[in-house]
Amino acid sequence: MYLKNWFLSPARFENKQFVVYGNENLDDIANDPSNYDIEFEIPKNYYLASDLKIISNATINPNNINYTIKGDNRLDVTVIVSPKQEVTSYKNDVIEVSTSLETKLMIFKKLL
């Protein structure tokens, strides 16, 4: 599963009216950045990758793992749930880049 633009959020309310946009492209959503704290329960033999920080992962029963992911001041969230480890990370002193060529996902995290 490749989840991007997968959740509903209320429109931004500004100057006593809702901010509207043309829905031509999901990248121009008029919403304000939000803080996210999301839990996923997935089968134990699957992997989870996200552009949010994985706060915890714990086995909750013999078949499933519970993941908690979190991010602040974000406009959207991308999550991948896959039966194989697709994301590879490369890190130096300044930046971490996580990429998956199969899903064309690239995640940049500034380390400082």
PDB file of N, CA and C in Angstrom:
ATOM      1  N   MET A   1       0.838  -1.174   0.000  1.00  0.00           N
ATOM      2  CA  MET A   1       0.000   0.000   0.000  1.00  0.00           C
ATOM      3  C   MET A   1       0.882   1.236   0.000  1.00  0.00           C
ATOM      4  N   TYR A   2       0.577   2.146  -0.857  1.00  0.00           N
ATOM      5  CA  TYR A   2       1.266   3.427  -0.919  1.00  0.00           C
ATOM      6  C   TYR A   2       0.212   4.490  -0.643  1.00  0.00           C
ATOM      7  N   LEU A   3       0.264   5.092   0.537  1.00  0.00           N
ATOM      8  CA  LEU A   3      -0.753   6.051   0.951  1.00  0.00           C
ATOM      9  C   LEU A   3      -0.193   7.467   0.880  1.00  0.00           C
ATOM     10  N   LYS A   4      -0.781   8.277   0.009  1.00  0.00           N
ATOM     11  CA  LYS A   4      -0.435   9.694  -0.102  1.00  0.00           C
ATOM     12  C   LYS A   4      -1.739  10.434  -0.369  1.00  0.00           C
ATOM     13  N   ASN A   5      -1.937  11.549   0.306  1.00  0.00           N
ATOM     14  CA  ASN A   5      -3.204  12.290   0.214  1.00  0.00           C
ATOM     15  C   ASN A   5      -4.379  11.374   0.549  1.00  0.00           C
ATOM     16  N   TRP A   6      -4.261  10.657   1.634  1.00  0.00           N
ATOM     17  CA  TRP A   6      -5.190   9.580   1.968  1.00  0.00           C
ATOM     18  C   TRP A   6      -6.158   9.913   3.095  1.00  0.00           C
ATOM     19  N   PHE A   7      -6.085  11.078   3.678  1.00  0.00           N
ATOM     20  CA  PHE A   7      -6.983  11.382   4.778  1.00  0.00           C
ATOM     21  C   PHE A   7      -7.736  12.674   4.492  1.00  0.00           C
ATOM     22  N   LEU A   8      -8.875  12.823   5.147  1.00  0.00           N
ATOM     23  CA  LEU A   8      -9.695  14.021   4.996  1.00  0.00           C
ATOM     24  C   LEU A   8      -9.338  15.014   6.092  1.00  0.00           C
ATOM     25  N   SER A   9      -9.282  16.266   5.727  1.00  0.00           N
ATOM     26  CA  SER A   9      -9.053  17.310   6.719  1.00  0.00           C
ATOM     27  C   SER A   9      -9.968  18.479   6.388  1.00  0.00           C
ATOM     28  N   PRO A  10     -10.417  19.191   7.416  1.00  0.00           N
ATOM     29  CA  PRO A  10     -11.314  20.312   7.148  1.00  0.00           C
ATOM     30  C   PRO A  10     -10.584  21.438   6.429  1.00  0.00           C
ATOM     31  N   ALA A  11     -11.327  22.184   5.650  1.00  0.00           N
ATOM     32  CA  ALA A  11     -10.742  23.323   4.936  1.00  0.00           C
ATOM     33  C   ALA A  11     -10.349  24.414   5.932  1.00  0.00           C
ATOM     34  N   ARG A  12      -9.343  25.177   5.570  1.00  0.00           N
ATOM     35  CA  ARG A  12      -8.894  26.281   6.416  1.00  0.00           C
ATOM     36  C   ARG A  12      -9.966  27.370   6.429  1.00  0.00           C
ATOM     37  N   PHE A  13     -10.213  27.919   7.599  1.00  0.00           N
ATOM     38  CA  PHE A  13     -11.206  28.981   7.781  1.00  0.00           C
ATOM     39  C   PHE A  13     -10.458  30.270   8.073  1.00  0.00           C
ATOM     40  N   GLU A  14     -10.634  31.263   7.206  1.00  0.00           N
ATOM     41  CA  GLU A  14      -9.862  32.494   7.292  1.00  0.00           C
ATOM     42  C   GLU A  14     -10.741  33.666   6.893  1.00  0.00           C
ATOM     43  N   ASN A  15     -10.699  34.773   7.628  1.00  0.00           N
ATOM     44  CA  ASN A  15     -11.500  35.963   7.328  1.00  0.00           C
ATOM     45  C   ASN A  15     -12.992  35.638   7.199  1.00  0.00           C
ATOM     46  N   LYS A  16     -13.491  34.820   8.118  1.00  0.00           N
ATOM     47  CA  LYS A  16     -14.896  34.444   8.212  1.00  0.00           C
ATOM     48  C   LYS A  16     -15.418  33.665   6.999  1.00  0.00           C
ATOM     49  N   GLN A  17     -14.509  32.969   6.300  1.00  0.00           N
ATOM     50  CA  GLN A  17     -14.933  32.112   5.187  1.00  0.00           C
ATOM     51  C   GLN A  17     -13.912  30.995   4.983  1.00  0.00           C
ATOM     52  N   PHE A  18     -14.360  29.930   4.340  1.00  0.00           N
ATOM     53  CA  PHE A  18     -13.459  28.827   4.042  1.00  0.00           C
ATOM     54  C   PHE A  18     -12.588  29.176   2.842  1.00  0.00           C
ATOM     55  N   VAL A  19     -11.327  28.811   2.923  1.00  0.00           N
ATOM     56  CA  VAL A  19     -10.411  29.023   1.807  1.00  0.00           C
ATOM     57  C   VAL A  19     -10.672  27.912   0.800  1.00  0.00           C
ATOM     58  N   VAL A  20     -10.949  28.270  -0.449  1.00  0.00           N
ATOM     59  CA  VAL A  20     -11.251  27.278  -1.478  1.00  0.00           C
ATOM     60  C   VAL A  20     -10.129  27.232  -2.505  1.00  0.00           C
ATOM     61  N   TYR A  21     -10.041  26.103  -3.176  1.00  0.00           N
ATOM     62  CA  TYR A  21      -9.068  25.931  -4.241  1.00  0.00           C
ATOM     63  C   TYR A  21      -9.690  25.052  -5.301  1.00  0.00           C
ATOM     64  N   GLY A  22      -9.080  24.978  -6.465  1.00  0.00           N
ATOM     65  CA  GLY A  22      -9.706  24.367  -7.625  1.00  0.00           C
ATOM     66  C   GLY A  22      -9.698  22.856  -7.697  1.00  0.00           C
ATOM     67  N   ASN A  23      -9.046  22.142  -6.777  1.00  0.00           N
ATOM     68  CA  ASN A  23      -8.954  20.685  -6.812  1.00  0.00           C
ATOM     69  C   ASN A  23      -8.301  20.155  -8.079  1.00  0.00           C
ATOM     70  N   GLU A  24      -7.560  20.980  -8.772  1.00  0.00           N
ATOM     71  CA  GLU A  24      -6.894  20.522  -9.986  1.00  0.00           C
ATOM     72  C   GLU A  24      -5.665  19.679  -9.678  1.00  0.00           C
ATOM     73  N   ASN A  25      -5.060  19.953  -8.544  1.00  0.00           N
ATOM     74  CA  ASN A  25      -3.850  19.245  -8.173  1.00  0.00           C
ATOM     75  C   ASN A  25      -3.820  19.135  -6.657  1.00  0.00           C
ATOM     76  N   LEU A  26      -3.602  17.955  -6.122  1.00  0.00           N
ATOM     77  CA  LEU A  26      -3.611  17.771  -4.675  1.00  0.00           C
ATOM     78  C   LEU A  26      -2.434  18.462  -3.994  1.00  0.00           C
ATOM     79  N   ASP A  27      -1.427  18.871  -4.746  1.00  0.00           N
ATOM     80  CA  ASP A  27      -0.279  19.542  -4.140  1.00  0.00           C
ATOM     81  C   ASP A  27      -0.571  20.988  -3.759  1.00  0.00           C
ATOM     82  N   ASP A  28      -1.701  21.565  -4.201  1.00  0.00           N
ATOM     83  CA  ASP A  28      -1.995  22.942  -3.836  1.00  0.00           C
ATOM     84  C   ASP A  28      -3.126  23.036  -2.817  1.00  0.00           C
ATOM     85  N   ILE A  29      -3.180  22.113  -1.897  1.00  0.00           N
ATOM     86  CA  ILE A  29      -4.188  22.139  -0.838  1.00  0.00           C
ATOM     87  C   ILE A  29      -4.007  23.415  -0.017  1.00  0.00           C
ATOM     88  N   ALA A  30      -5.117  24.065   0.305  1.00  0.00           N
ATOM     89  CA  ALA A  30      -5.065  25.349   1.002  1.00  0.00           C
ATOM     90  C   ALA A  30      -5.070  25.197   2.518  1.00  0.00           C
ATOM     91  N   ASN A  31      -4.802  24.023   3.037  1.00  0.00           N
ATOM     92  CA  ASN A  31      -4.834  23.817   4.482  1.00  0.00           C
ATOM     93  C   ASN A  31      -3.562  24.313   5.156  1.00  0.00           C
ATOM     94  N   ASP A  32      -3.678  24.618   6.432  1.00  0.00           N
ATOM     95  CA  ASP A  32      -2.516  24.985   7.233  1.00  0.00           C
ATOM     96  C   ASP A  32      -1.773  23.722   7.655  1.00  0.00           C
ATOM     97  N   PRO A  33      -0.494  23.843   7.937  1.00  0.00           N
ATOM     98  CA  PRO A  33       0.246  22.690   8.466  1.00  0.00           C
ATOM     99  C   PRO A  33      -0.369  22.204   9.777  1.00  0.00           C
ATOM    100  N   SER A  34      -0.285  20.901  10.007  1.00  0.00           N
ATOM    101  CA  SER A  34      -0.859  20.282  11.203  1.00  0.00           C
ATOM    102  C   SER A  34       0.166  19.374  11.858  1.00  0.00           C
ATOM    103  N   ASN A  35      -0.127  18.999  13.093  1.00  0.00           N
ATOM    104  CA  ASN A  35       0.669  18.019  13.813  1.00  0.00           C
ATOM    105  C   ASN A  35      -0.044  16.676  13.732  1.00  0.00           C
ATOM    106  N   TYR A  36       0.722  15.609  13.504  1.00  0.00           N
ATOM    107  CA  TYR A  36       0.149  14.281  13.339  1.00  0.00           C
ATOM    108  C   TYR A  36       0.750  13.310  14.333  1.00  0.00           C
ATOM    109  N   ASP A  37      -0.096  12.460  14.886  1.00  0.00           N
ATOM    110  CA  ASP A  37       0.300  11.376  15.776  1.00  0.00           C
ATOM    111  C   ASP A  37      -0.613  10.213  15.394  1.00  0.00           C
ATOM    112  N   ILE A  38      -0.080   9.242  14.642  1.00  0.00           N
ATOM    113  CA  ILE A  38      -0.901   8.207  14.015  1.00  0.00           C
ATOM    114  C   ILE A  38      -0.412   6.833  14.447  1.00  0.00           C
ATOM    115  N   GLU A  39      -1.341   5.927  14.696  1.00  0.00           N
ATOM    116  CA  GLU A  39      -1.002   4.541  15.015  1.00  0.00           C
ATOM    117  C   GLU A  39      -1.485   3.625  13.902  1.00  0.00           C
ATOM    118  N   PHE A  40      -0.651   2.661  13.534  1.00  0.00           N
ATOM    119  CA  PHE A  40      -0.989   1.635  12.557  1.00  0.00           C
ATOM    120  C   PHE A  40      -0.785   0.277  13.190  1.00  0.00           C
ATOM    121  N   GLU A  41      -1.687  -0.623  12.918  1.00  0.00           N
ATOM    122  CA  GLU A  41      -1.513  -2.027  13.292  1.00  0.00           C
ATOM    123  C   GLU A  41      -1.435  -2.810  11.990  1.00  0.00           C
ATOM    124  N   ILE A  42      -0.280  -3.433  11.749  1.00  0.00           N
ATOM    125  CA  ILE A  42      -0.078  -4.148  10.493  1.00  0.00           C
ATOM    126  C   ILE A  42       0.407  -5.565  10.784  1.00  0.00           C
ATOM    127  N   PRO A  43       0.255  -6.474   9.824  1.00  0.00           N
ATOM    128  CA  PRO A  43       0.740  -7.842  10.023  1.00  0.00           C
ATOM    129  C   PRO A  43       2.250  -7.864  10.284  1.00  0.00           C
ATOM    130  N   LYS A  44       2.676  -8.799  11.097  1.00  0.00           N
ATOM    131  CA  LYS A  44       4.074  -8.874  11.537  1.00  0.00           C
ATOM    132  C   LYS A  44       5.048  -9.065  10.377  1.00  0.00           C
ATOM    133  N   ASN A  45       4.626  -9.688   9.299  1.00  0.00           N
ATOM    134  CA  ASN A  45       5.527  -9.941   8.176  1.00  0.00           C
ATOM    135  C   ASN A  45       5.520  -8.799   7.143  1.00  0.00           C
ATOM    136  N   TYR A  46       4.999  -7.614   7.513  1.00  0.00           N
ATOM    137  CA  TYR A  46       5.008  -6.431   6.647  1.00  0.00           C
ATOM    138  C   TYR A  46       5.894  -5.357   7.263  1.00  0.00           C
ATOM    139  N   TYR A  47       6.305  -4.410   6.428  1.00  0.00           N
ATOM    140  CA  TYR A  47       7.143  -3.299   6.854  1.00  0.00           C
ATOM    141  C   TYR A  47       6.393  -1.990   6.669  1.00  0.00           C
ATOM    142  N   LEU A  48       6.680  -1.029   7.523  1.00  0.00           N
ATOM    143  CA  LEU A  48       6.074   0.291   7.415  1.00  0.00           C
ATOM    144  C   LEU A  48       7.187   1.314   7.210  1.00  0.00           C
ATOM    145  N   ALA A  49       6.983   2.220   6.251  1.00  0.00           N
ATOM    146  CA  ALA A  49       7.894   3.342   6.021  1.00  0.00           C
ATOM    147  C   ALA A  49       7.033   4.591   5.891  1.00  0.00           C
ATOM    148  N   SER A  50       7.560   5.707   6.359  1.00  0.00           N
ATOM    149  CA  SER A  50       6.802   6.952   6.311  1.00  0.00           C
ATOM    150  C   SER A  50       7.750   8.132   6.285  1.00  0.00           C
ATOM    151  N   ASP A  51       7.218   9.282   5.837  1.00  0.00           N
ATOM    152  CA  ASP A  51       7.995  10.506   5.937  1.00  0.00           C
ATOM    153  C   ASP A  51       7.820  11.160   7.303  1.00  0.00           C
ATOM    154  N   LEU A  52       7.028  10.537   8.179  1.00  0.00           N
ATOM    155  CA  LEU A  52       6.963  10.950   9.574  1.00  0.00           C
ATOM    156  C   LEU A  52       7.946  10.098  10.372  1.00  0.00           C
ATOM    157  N   LYS A  53       8.266  10.542  11.569  1.00  0.00           N
ATOM    158  CA  LYS A  53       9.201   9.808  12.425  1.00  0.00           C
ATOM    159  C   LYS A  53       8.481   8.628  13.075  1.00  0.00           C
ATOM    160  N   ILE A  54       9.087   7.444  12.998  1.00  0.00           N
ATOM    161  CA  ILE A  54       8.535   6.274  13.683  1.00  0.00           C
ATOM    162  C   ILE A  54       8.952   6.373  15.144  1.00  0.00           C
ATOM    163  N   ILE A  55       7.970   6.609  16.014  1.00  0.00           N
ATOM    164  CA  ILE A  55       8.222   6.800  17.438  1.00  0.00           C
ATOM    165  C   ILE A  55       8.394   5.459  18.141  1.00  0.00           C
ATOM    166  N   SER A  56       7.559   4.495  17.779  1.00  0.00           N
ATOM    167  CA  SER A  56       7.662   3.182  18.416  1.00  0.00           C
ATOM    168  C   SER A  56       7.086   2.118  17.502  1.00  0.00           C
ATOM    169  N   ASN A  57       7.547   0.903  17.720  1.00  0.00           N
ATOM    170  CA  ASN A  57       6.930  -0.271  17.096  1.00  0.00           C
ATOM    171  C   ASN A  57       6.995  -1.387  18.127  1.00  0.00           C
ATOM    172  N   ALA A  58       5.862  -1.995  18.365  1.00  0.00           N
ATOM    173  CA  ALA A  58       5.769  -3.016  19.400  1.00  0.00           C
ATOM    174  C   ALA A  58       4.880  -4.151  18.923  1.00  0.00           C
ATOM    175  N   THR A  59       5.302  -5.366  19.202  1.00  0.00           N
ATOM    176  CA  THR A  59       4.488  -6.530  18.887  1.00  0.00           C
ATOM    177  C   THR A  59       3.326  -6.574  19.869  1.00  0.00           C
ATOM    178  N   ILE A  60       2.096  -6.572  19.343  1.00  0.00           N
ATOM    179  CA  ILE A  60       0.929  -6.562  20.227  1.00  0.00           C
ATOM    180  C   ILE A  60       0.285  -7.933  20.348  1.00  0.00           C
ATOM    181  N   ASN A  61       0.576  -8.806  19.399  1.00  0.00           N
ATOM    182  CA  ASN A  61       0.160 -10.201  19.482  1.00  0.00           C
ATOM    183  C   ASN A  61       1.068 -10.977  18.529  1.00  0.00           C
ATOM    184  N   PRO A  62       0.962 -12.285  18.446  1.00  0.00           N
ATOM    185  CA  PRO A  62       1.894 -13.034  17.598  1.00  0.00           C
ATOM    186  C   PRO A  62       1.840 -12.678  16.111  1.00  0.00           C
ATOM    187  N   ASN A  63       0.769 -12.033  15.660  1.00  0.00           N
ATOM    188  CA  ASN A  63       0.603 -11.770  14.231  1.00  0.00           C
ATOM    189  C   ASN A  63       0.754 -10.316  13.807  1.00  0.00           C
ATOM    190  N   ASN A  64       0.700  -9.371  14.744  1.00  0.00           N
ATOM    191  CA  ASN A  64       0.655  -7.954  14.375  1.00  0.00           C
ATOM    192  C   ASN A  64       1.671  -7.109  15.137  1.00  0.00           C
ATOM    193  N   ILE A  65       2.047  -5.990  14.495  1.00  0.00           N
ATOM    194  CA  ILE A  65       2.912  -4.988  15.111  1.00  0.00           C
ATOM    195  C   ILE A  65       2.169  -3.658  15.095  1.00  0.00           C
ATOM    196  N   ASN A  66       2.276  -2.925  16.200  1.00  0.00           N
ATOM    197  CA  ASN A  66       1.662  -1.614  16.307  1.00  0.00           C
ATOM    198  C   ASN A  66       2.754  -0.560  16.135  1.00  0.00           C
ATOM    199  N   TYR A  67       2.614   0.309  15.136  1.00  0.00           N
ATOM    200  CA  TYR A  67       3.559   1.402  14.878  1.00  0.00           C
ATOM    201  C   TYR A  67       2.917   2.719  15.281  1.00  0.00           C
ATOM    202  N   THR A  68       3.692   3.593  15.901  1.00  0.00           N
ATOM    203  CA  THR A  68       3.267   4.959  16.164  1.00  0.00           C
ATOM    204  C   THR A  68       4.200   5.882  15.392  1.00  0.00           C
ATOM    205  N   ILE A  69       3.608   6.738  14.549  1.00  0.00           N
ATOM    206  CA  ILE A  69       4.400   7.696  13.785  1.00  0.00           C
ATOM    207  C   ILE A  69       3.938   9.105  14.142  1.00  0.00           C
ATOM    208  N   LYS A  70       4.868  10.049  14.060  1.00  0.00           N
ATOM    209  CA  LYS A  70       4.550  11.406  14.503  1.00  0.00           C
ATOM    210  C   LYS A  70       5.289  12.421  13.647  1.00  0.00           C
ATOM    211  N   GLY A  71       4.655  13.566  13.424  1.00  0.00           N
ATOM    212  CA  GLY A  71       5.281  14.673  12.708  1.00  0.00           C
ATOM    213  C   GLY A  71       4.557  15.965  13.020  1.00  0.00           C
ATOM    214  N   ASP A  72       5.309  17.036  13.112  1.00  0.00           N
ATOM    215  CA  ASP A  72       4.740  18.350  13.422  1.00  0.00           C
ATOM    216  C   ASP A  72       4.894  19.291  12.237  1.00  0.00           C
ATOM    217  N   ASN A  73       3.919  20.184  12.123  1.00  0.00           N
ATOM    218  CA  ASN A  73       3.955  21.246  11.117  1.00  0.00           C
ATOM    219  C   ASN A  73       4.036  20.680   9.696  1.00  0.00           C
ATOM    220  N   ARG A  74       3.163  19.722   9.394  1.00  0.00           N
ATOM    221  CA  ARG A  74       3.176  19.024   8.106  1.00  0.00           C
ATOM    222  C   ARG A  74       1.910  19.318   7.317  1.00  0.00           C
ATOM    223  N   LEU A  75       2.043  19.368   5.985  1.00  0.00           N
ATOM    224  CA  LEU A  75       0.879  19.540   5.115  1.00  0.00           C
ATOM    225  C   LEU A  75       0.290  18.211   4.686  1.00  0.00           C
ATOM    226  N   ASP A  76       1.117  17.176   4.585  1.00  0.00           N
ATOM    227  CA  ASP A  76       0.600  15.866   4.216  1.00  0.00           C
ATOM    228  C   ASP A  76       1.472  14.776   4.828  1.00  0.00           C
ATOM    229  N   VAL A  77       1.022  13.546   4.680  1.00  0.00           N
ATOM    230  CA  VAL A  77       1.705  12.388   5.251  1.00  0.00           C
ATOM    231  C   VAL A  77       1.757  11.298   4.190  1.00  0.00           C
ATOM    232  N   THR A  78       2.919  10.681   4.035  1.00  0.00           N
ATOM    233  CA  THR A  78       3.060   9.547   3.129  1.00  0.00           C
ATOM    234  C   THR A  78       3.421   8.313   3.947  1.00  0.00           C
ATOM    235  N   VAL A  79       2.741   7.211   3.665  1.00  0.00           N
ATOM    236  CA  VAL A  79       2.986   5.944   4.367  1.00  0.00           C
ATOM    237  C   VAL A  79       3.043   4.821   3.346  1.00  0.00           C
ATOM    238  N   ILE A  80       4.005   3.916   3.530  1.00  0.00           N
ATOM    239  CA  ILE A  80       4.097   2.716   2.701  1.00  0.00           C
ATOM    240  C   ILE A  80       4.026   1.503   3.625  1.00  0.00           C
ATOM    241  N   VAL A  81       3.145   0.573   3.304  1.00  0.00           N
ATOM    242  CA  VAL A  81       3.081  -0.719   3.992  1.00  0.00           C
ATOM    243  C   VAL A  81       3.341  -1.772   2.933  1.00  0.00           C
ATOM    244  N   SER A  82       4.391  -2.567   3.145  1.00  0.00           N
ATOM    245  CA  SER A  82       4.842  -3.477   2.100  1.00  0.00           C
ATOM    246  C   SER A  82       5.296  -4.805   2.696  1.00  0.00           C
ATOM    247  N   PRO A  83       5.161  -5.898   1.922  1.00  0.00           N
ATOM    248  CA  PRO A  83       5.638  -7.199   2.418  1.00  0.00           C
ATOM    249  C   PRO A  83       7.158  -7.339   2.373  1.00  0.00           C
ATOM    250  N   LYS A  84       7.853  -6.350   1.804  1.00  0.00           N
ATOM    251  CA  LYS A  84       9.316  -6.399   1.807  1.00  0.00           C
ATOM    252  C   LYS A  84       9.868  -5.022   2.150  1.00  0.00           C
ATOM    253  N   GLN A  85      11.086  -5.010   2.651  1.00  0.00           N
ATOM    254  CA  GLN A  85      11.746  -3.761   3.017  1.00  0.00           C
ATOM    255  C   GLN A  85      12.129  -3.024   1.739  1.00  0.00           C
ATOM    256  N   GLU A  86      11.371  -1.984   1.378  1.00  0.00           N
ATOM    257  CA  GLU A  86      11.588  -1.266   0.127  1.00  0.00           C
ATOM    258  C   GLU A  86      12.437  -0.015   0.286  1.00  0.00           C
ATOM    259  N   VAL A  87      12.461   0.554   1.459  1.00  0.00           N
ATOM    260  CA  VAL A  87      13.093   1.849   1.652  1.00  0.00           C
ATOM    261  C   VAL A  87      14.523   1.668   2.149  1.00  0.00           C
ATOM    262  N   THR A  88      15.454   2.350   1.490  1.00  0.00           N
ATOM    263  CA  THR A  88      16.853   2.354   1.873  1.00  0.00           C
ATOM    264  C   THR A  88      17.212   3.765   2.315  1.00  0.00           C
ATOM    265  N   SER A  89      17.956   3.891   3.406  1.00  0.00           N
ATOM    266  CA  SER A  89      18.343   5.199   3.917  1.00  0.00           C
ATOM    267  C   SER A  89      19.829   5.435   3.736  1.00  0.00           C
ATOM    268  N   TYR A  90      20.162   6.669   3.394  1.00  0.00           N
ATOM    269  CA  TYR A  90      21.534   7.123   3.275  1.00  0.00           C
ATOM    270  C   TYR A  90      21.668   8.352   4.166  1.00  0.00           C
ATOM    271  N   LYS A  91      22.723   8.391   4.987  1.00  0.00           N
ATOM    272  CA  LYS A  91      22.835   9.460   5.974  1.00  0.00           C
ATOM    273  C   LYS A  91      24.267   9.968   6.033  1.00  0.00           C
ATOM    274  N   ASN A  92      24.402  11.310   6.178  1.00  0.00           N
ATOM    275  CA  ASN A  92      25.697  11.899   6.472  1.00  0.00           C
ATOM    276  C   ASN A  92      25.506  12.836   7.662  1.00  0.00           C
ATOM    277  N   ASP A  93      26.420  13.757   7.897  1.00  0.00           N
ATOM    278  CA  ASP A  93      26.342  14.633   9.068  1.00  0.00           C
ATOM    279  C   ASP A  93      25.212  15.654   9.002  1.00  0.00           C
ATOM    280  N   VAL A  94      24.694  15.928   7.812  1.00  0.00           N
ATOM    281  CA  VAL A  94      23.724  17.002   7.639  1.00  0.00           C
ATOM    282  C   VAL A  94      22.328  16.502   7.307  1.00  0.00           C
ATOM    283  N   ILE A  95      22.221  15.465   6.501  1.00  0.00           N
ATOM    284  CA  ILE A  95      20.903  15.072   5.984  1.00  0.00           C
ATOM    285  C   ILE A  95      20.792  13.553   5.900  1.00  0.00           C
ATOM    286  N   GLU A  96      19.571  13.075   6.020  1.00  0.00           N
ATOM    287  CA  GLU A  96      19.265  11.667   5.788  1.00  0.00           C
ATOM    288  C   GLU A  96      18.279  11.597   4.632  1.00  0.00           C
ATOM    289  N   VAL A  97      18.566  10.755   3.654  1.00  0.00           N
ATOM    290  CA  VAL A  97      17.680  10.568   2.511  1.00  0.00           C
ATOM    291  C   VAL A  97      17.235   9.120   2.513  1.00  0.00           C
ATOM    292  N   SER A  98      15.921   8.922   2.527  1.00  0.00           N
ATOM    293  CA  SER A  98      15.347   7.588   2.422  1.00  0.00           C
ATOM    294  C   SER A  98      14.666   7.498   1.075  1.00  0.00           C
ATOM    295  N   THR A  99      14.916   6.427   0.362  1.00  0.00           N
ATOM    296  CA  THR A  99      14.367   6.334  -0.985  1.00  0.00           C
ATOM    297  C   THR A  99      13.873   4.930  -1.278  1.00  0.00           C
ATOM    298  N   SER A 100      12.894   4.862  -2.141  1.00  0.00           N
ATOM    299  CA  SER A 100      12.376   3.604  -2.649  1.00  0.00           C
ATOM    300  C   SER A 100      12.199   3.773  -4.153  1.00  0.00           C
ATOM    301  N   LEU A 101      13.036   3.131  -4.915  1.00  0.00           N
ATOM    302  CA  LEU A 101      12.949   3.279  -6.364  1.00  0.00           C
ATOM    303  C   LEU A 101      11.673   2.675  -6.924  1.00  0.00           C
ATOM    304  N   GLU A 102      11.170   1.604  -6.280  1.00  0.00           N
ATOM    305  CA  GLU A 102       9.952   0.971  -6.785  1.00  0.00           C
ATOM    306  C   GLU A 102       8.737   1.877  -6.654  1.00  0.00           C
ATOM    307  N   THR A 103       8.638   2.617  -5.566  1.00  0.00           N
ATOM    308  CA  THR A 103       7.473   3.484  -5.365  1.00  0.00           C
ATOM    309  C   THR A 103       7.792   4.941  -5.656  1.00  0.00           C
ATOM    310  N   LYS A 104       9.040   5.208  -6.016  1.00  0.00           N
ATOM    311  CA  LYS A 104       9.473   6.572  -6.341  1.00  0.00           C
ATOM    312  C   LYS A 104       9.246   7.530  -5.181  1.00  0.00           C
ATOM    313  N   LEU A 105       9.464   7.046  -3.976  1.00  0.00           N
ATOM    314  CA  LEU A 105       9.321   7.862  -2.779  1.00  0.00           C
ATOM    315  C   LEU A 105      10.700   8.310  -2.321  1.00  0.00           C
ATOM    316  N   MET A 106      10.827   9.578  -2.037  1.00  0.00           N
ATOM    317  CA  MET A 106      12.077  10.082  -1.510  1.00  0.00           C
ATOM    318  C   MET A 106      11.767  10.937  -0.288  1.00  0.00           C
ATOM    319  N   ILE A 107      12.393  10.638   0.827  1.00  0.00           N
ATOM    320  CA  ILE A 107      12.148  11.328   2.082  1.00  0.00           C
ATOM    321  C   ILE A 107      13.456  11.971   2.531  1.00  0.00           C
ATOM    322  N   PHE A 108      13.425  13.275   2.779  1.00  0.00           N
ATOM    323  CA  PHE A 108      14.596  13.998   3.271  1.00  0.00           C
ATOM    324  C   PHE A 108      14.363  14.386   4.712  1.00  0.00           C
ATOM    325  N   LYS A 109      15.339  14.145   5.566  1.00  0.00           N
ATOM    326  CA  LYS A 109      15.256  14.547   6.966  1.00  0.00           C
ATOM    327  C   LYS A 109      16.527  15.292   7.316  1.00  0.00           C
ATOM    328  N   LYS A 110      16.375  16.526   7.743  1.00  0.00           N
ATOM    329  CA  LYS A 110      17.532  17.284   8.173  1.00  0.00           C
ATOM    330  C   LYS A 110      17.908  16.821   9.569  1.00  0.00           C
ATOM    331  N   LEU A 111      19.164  16.499   9.782  1.00  0.00           N
ATOM    332  CA  LEU A 111      19.603  15.922  11.043  1.00  0.00           C
ATOM    333  C   LEU A 111      19.936  16.962  12.100  1.00  0.00           C
ATOM    334  N   LEU A 112      20.240  18.176  11.721  1.00  0.00           N
ATOM    335  CA  LEU A 112      20.647  19.176  12.698  1.00  0.00           C
ATOM    336  C   LEU A 112      19.477  19.855  13.343  1.00  0.00           C
TER     337      LEU A 112
END
